[in-house]
Amino acid sequence: MSTSLAAPGPDLDSAFAALGDPVRRALLTRLARGDATVGELAAPFDLTPQAISHHVGVLRRCGLVEQRREGTRRPCRLRADQLALLGGWIDDQRRVWDDRLDALEQHLGDDGAVR
């Protein structure tokens, strides 16, 4: 899978910045088990629902979470497809560097012993 920076999907910069926060990573881990409201997400944390709403907003703006209305409830849902795009970008980078390191190893092997 090749993921271009211009491809539709999560904004890589903001998504990786969002993932840099341990609370946001914990929220994504919780949402991987199923949809939850902000109140439900806030329960295990020593944070206010407003603080959790802020974190959810960051995740929403970078495309990793979506929120919908169900009457008076506003459940959040993980956008696993968008998270997979980030994983694809990381995999692409890993392949590029593996190829470069293999080429370097081959080049060094062609020159004989390394001094």
C-alpha atoms as a PDB file:
ATOM      1  CA  MET A   1       0.000   0.000   0.000  1.00  0.00           C
ATOM      2  CA  SER A   2       1.442   3.317  -0.975  1.00  0.00           C
ATOM      3  CA  THR A   3       0.125   6.311   0.913  1.00  0.00           C
ATOM      4  CA  SER A   4       0.838   9.699  -0.561  1.00  0.00           C
ATOM      5  CA  LEU A   5       0.946  12.776   1.617  1.00  0.00           C
ATOM      6  CA  ALA A   6      -1.663  14.259  -0.716  1.00  0.00           C
ATOM      7  CA  ALA A   7      -3.961  11.217  -0.520  1.00  0.00           C
ATOM      8  CA  PRO A   8      -7.308  11.614   1.208  1.00  0.00           C
ATOM      9  CA  GLY A   9      -7.242  10.404   4.761  1.00  0.00           C
ATOM     10  CA  PRO A  10      -5.719  11.548   7.990  1.00  0.00           C
ATOM     11  CA  ASP A  11      -3.441  14.551   8.029  1.00  0.00           C
ATOM     12  CA  LEU A  12      -0.185  12.750   8.844  1.00  0.00           C
ATOM     13  CA  ASP A  13       1.358  15.620  10.793  1.00  0.00           C
ATOM     14  CA  SER A  14      -1.653  16.192  13.007  1.00  0.00           C
ATOM     15  CA  ALA A  15      -2.368  12.468  13.368  1.00  0.00           C
ATOM     16  CA  PHE A  16       1.167  11.664  14.535  1.00  0.00           C
ATOM     17  CA  ALA A  17       1.115  14.709  16.815  1.00  0.00           C
ATOM     18  CA  ALA A  18      -2.198  13.500  18.281  1.00  0.00           C
ATOM     19  CA  LEU A  19      -0.736  10.030  18.831  1.00  0.00           C
ATOM     20  CA  GLY A  20       2.126  11.605  20.786  1.00  0.00           C
ATOM     21  CA  ASP A  21      -0.213  12.121  23.743  1.00  0.00           C
ATOM     22  CA  PRO A  22      -0.699   9.095  26.051  1.00  0.00           C
ATOM     23  CA  VAL A  23      -4.299  10.039  26.887  1.00  0.00           C
ATOM     24  CA  ARG A  24      -5.208  10.128  23.194  1.00  0.00           C
ATOM     25  CA  ARG A  25      -3.544   6.771  22.605  1.00  0.00           C
ATOM     26  CA  ALA A  26      -5.519   5.366  25.547  1.00  0.00           C
ATOM     27  CA  LEU A  27      -8.738   6.790  24.088  1.00  0.00           C
ATOM     28  CA  LEU A  28      -8.025   5.101  20.750  1.00  0.00           C
ATOM     29  CA  THR A  29      -7.284   1.837  22.544  1.00  0.00           C
ATOM     30  CA  ARG A  30     -10.627   2.090  24.341  1.00  0.00           C
ATOM     31  CA  LEU A  31     -12.475   2.972  21.138  1.00  0.00           C
ATOM     32  CA  ALA A  32     -10.926  -0.055  19.424  1.00  0.00           C
ATOM     33  CA  ARG A  33     -13.192  -2.134  21.718  1.00  0.00           C
ATOM     34  CA  GLY A  34     -16.311  -0.232  20.625  1.00  0.00           C
ATOM     35  CA  ASP A  35     -18.089   3.097  20.475  1.00  0.00           C
ATOM     36  CA  ALA A  36     -18.271   5.230  23.619  1.00  0.00           C
ATOM     37  CA  THR A  37     -19.536   8.620  24.706  1.00  0.00           C
ATOM     38  CA  VAL A  38     -17.208  11.253  26.167  1.00  0.00           C
ATOM     39  CA  GLY A  39     -18.598  10.453  29.616  1.00  0.00           C
ATOM     40  CA  GLU A  40     -17.799   6.767  29.144  1.00  0.00           C
ATOM     41  CA  LEU A  41     -14.340   7.625  27.843  1.00  0.00           C
ATOM     42  CA  ALA A  42     -13.687   9.914  30.824  1.00  0.00           C
ATOM     43  CA  ALA A  43     -14.561   7.268  33.455  1.00  0.00           C
ATOM     44  CA  PRO A  44     -11.115   5.632  33.853  1.00  0.00           C
ATOM     45  CA  PHE A  45      -9.237   8.945  33.816  1.00  0.00           C
ATOM     46  CA  ASP A  46      -8.713  11.553  36.493  1.00  0.00           C
ATOM     47  CA  LEU A  47      -9.775  14.147  33.903  1.00  0.00           C
ATOM     48  CA  THR A  48     -12.940  16.150  33.429  1.00  0.00           C
ATOM     49  CA  PRO A  49     -15.324  15.328  30.591  1.00  0.00           C
ATOM     50  CA  GLN A  50     -14.316  18.719  29.127  1.00  0.00           C
ATOM     51  CA  ALA A  51     -10.664  17.631  29.013  1.00  0.00           C
ATOM     52  CA  ILE A  52     -11.647  14.352  27.368  1.00  0.00           C
ATOM     53  CA  SER A  53     -13.802  16.327  24.898  1.00  0.00           C
ATOM     54  CA  HIS A  54     -10.732  18.368  24.002  1.00  0.00           C
ATOM     55  CA  HIS A  55      -8.713  15.190  23.336  1.00  0.00           C
ATOM     56  CA  VAL A  56     -11.576  13.710  21.303  1.00  0.00           C
ATOM     57  CA  GLY A  57     -11.713  16.950  19.301  1.00  0.00           C
ATOM     58  CA  VAL A  58      -8.021  16.658  18.454  1.00  0.00           C
ATOM     59  CA  LEU A  59      -8.532  13.050  17.336  1.00  0.00           C
ATOM     60  CA  ARG A  60     -11.619  14.060  15.362  1.00  0.00           C
ATOM     61  CA  ARG A  61      -9.866  16.931  13.555  1.00  0.00           C
ATOM     62  CA  CYS A  62      -7.020  14.682  12.409  1.00  0.00           C
ATOM     63  CA  GLY A  63      -9.492  12.064  11.155  1.00  0.00           C
ATOM     64  CA  LEU A  64      -8.895   9.235  13.633  1.00  0.00           C
ATOM     65  CA  VAL A  65     -12.244   9.512  15.453  1.00  0.00           C
ATOM     66  CA  GLU A  66     -15.735  10.431  14.365  1.00  0.00           C
ATOM     67  CA  GLN A  67     -18.673  11.460  16.495  1.00  0.00           C
ATOM     68  CA  ARG A  68     -22.346  11.135  15.604  1.00  0.00           C
ATOM     69  CA  ARG A  69     -25.659  12.113  17.182  1.00  0.00           C
ATOM     70  CA  GLU A  70     -28.021   9.454  18.494  1.00  0.00           C
ATOM     71  CA  GLY A  71     -30.769  11.457  20.171  1.00  0.00           C
ATOM     72  CA  THR A  72     -29.078  13.068  23.162  1.00  0.00           C
ATOM     73  CA  ARG A  73     -26.035  10.789  22.958  1.00  0.00           C
ATOM     74  CA  ARG A  74     -22.932  11.592  20.901  1.00  0.00           C
ATOM     75  CA  PRO A  75     -20.944   8.371  20.683  1.00  0.00           C
ATOM     76  CA  CYS A  76     -17.394   8.409  19.373  1.00  0.00           C
ATOM     77  CA  ARG A  77     -16.086   5.794  16.963  1.00  0.00           C
ATOM     78  CA  LEU A  78     -12.539   4.891  16.011  1.00  0.00           C
ATOM     79  CA  ARG A  79     -11.779   5.373  12.316  1.00  0.00           C
ATOM     80  CA  ALA A  80      -9.743   2.177  12.040  1.00  0.00           C
ATOM     81  CA  ASP A  81      -9.447   2.697   8.275  1.00  0.00           C
ATOM     82  CA  GLN A  82      -7.657   5.995   8.877  1.00  0.00           C
ATOM     83  CA  LEU A  83      -5.408   4.429  11.520  1.00  0.00           C
ATOM     84  CA  ALA A  84      -4.559   1.724   8.965  1.00  0.00           C
ATOM     85  CA  LEU A  85      -3.445   4.451   6.528  1.00  0.00           C
ATOM     86  CA  LEU A  86      -0.946   5.661   9.134  1.00  0.00           C
ATOM     87  CA  GLY A  87       0.266   2.092   9.563  1.00  0.00           C
ATOM     88  CA  GLY A  88       0.609   1.805   5.791  1.00  0.00           C
ATOM     89  CA  TRP A  89       2.731   4.950   5.668  1.00  0.00           C
ATOM     90  CA  ILE A  90       4.990   3.545   8.400  1.00  0.00           C
ATOM     91  CA  ASP A  91       5.247   0.229   6.524  1.00  0.00           C
ATOM     92  CA  ASP A  92       6.183   2.084   3.322  1.00  0.00           C
ATOM     93  CA  GLN A  93       8.968   3.922   5.168  1.00  0.00           C
ATOM     94  CA  ARG A  94      10.207   0.681   6.729  1.00  0.00           C
ATOM     95  CA  ARG A  95      10.402  -0.975   3.280  1.00  0.00           C
ATOM     96  CA  VAL A  96      12.333   1.966   1.823  1.00  0.00           C
ATOM     97  CA  TRP A  97      14.881   1.875   4.645  1.00  0.00           C
ATOM     98  CA  ASP A  98      15.156  -1.926   4.570  1.00  0.00           C
ATOM     99  CA  ASP A  99      15.920  -1.717   0.835  1.00  0.00           C
ATOM    100  CA  ARG A 100      18.528   0.999   1.425  1.00  0.00           C
ATOM    101  CA  LEU A 101      20.194  -0.952   4.216  1.00  0.00           C
ATOM    102  CA  ASP A 102      20.195  -4.127   2.088  1.00  0.00           C
ATOM    103  CA  ALA A 103      21.842  -2.194  -0.748  1.00  0.00           C
ATOM    104  CA  LEU A 104      24.444  -0.777   1.635  1.00  0.00           C
ATOM    105  CA  GLU A 105      25.155  -4.231   3.037  1.00  0.00           C
ATOM    106  CA  GLN A 106      25.531  -5.580  -0.509  1.00  0.00           C
ATOM    107  CA  HIS A 107      27.848  -2.699  -1.445  1.00  0.00           C
ATOM    108  CA  LEU A 108      30.020  -3.219   1.615  1.00  0.00           C
ATOM    109  CA  GLY A 109      30.123  -6.954   0.937  1.00  0.00           C
ATOM    110  CA  ASP A 110      31.248  -6.329  -2.673  1.00  0.00           C
ATOM    111  CA  ASP A 111      34.222  -4.272  -1.464  1.00  0.00           C
ATOM    112  CA  GLY A 112      35.570  -7.091   0.657  1.00  0.00           C
ATOM    113  CA  ALA A 113      36.087  -6.993   4.389  1.00  0.00           C
ATOM    114  CA  VAL A 114      34.987  -3.940   6.299  1.00  0.00           C
ATOM    115  CA  ARG A 115      37.867  -2.255   8.106  1.00  0.00           C
END
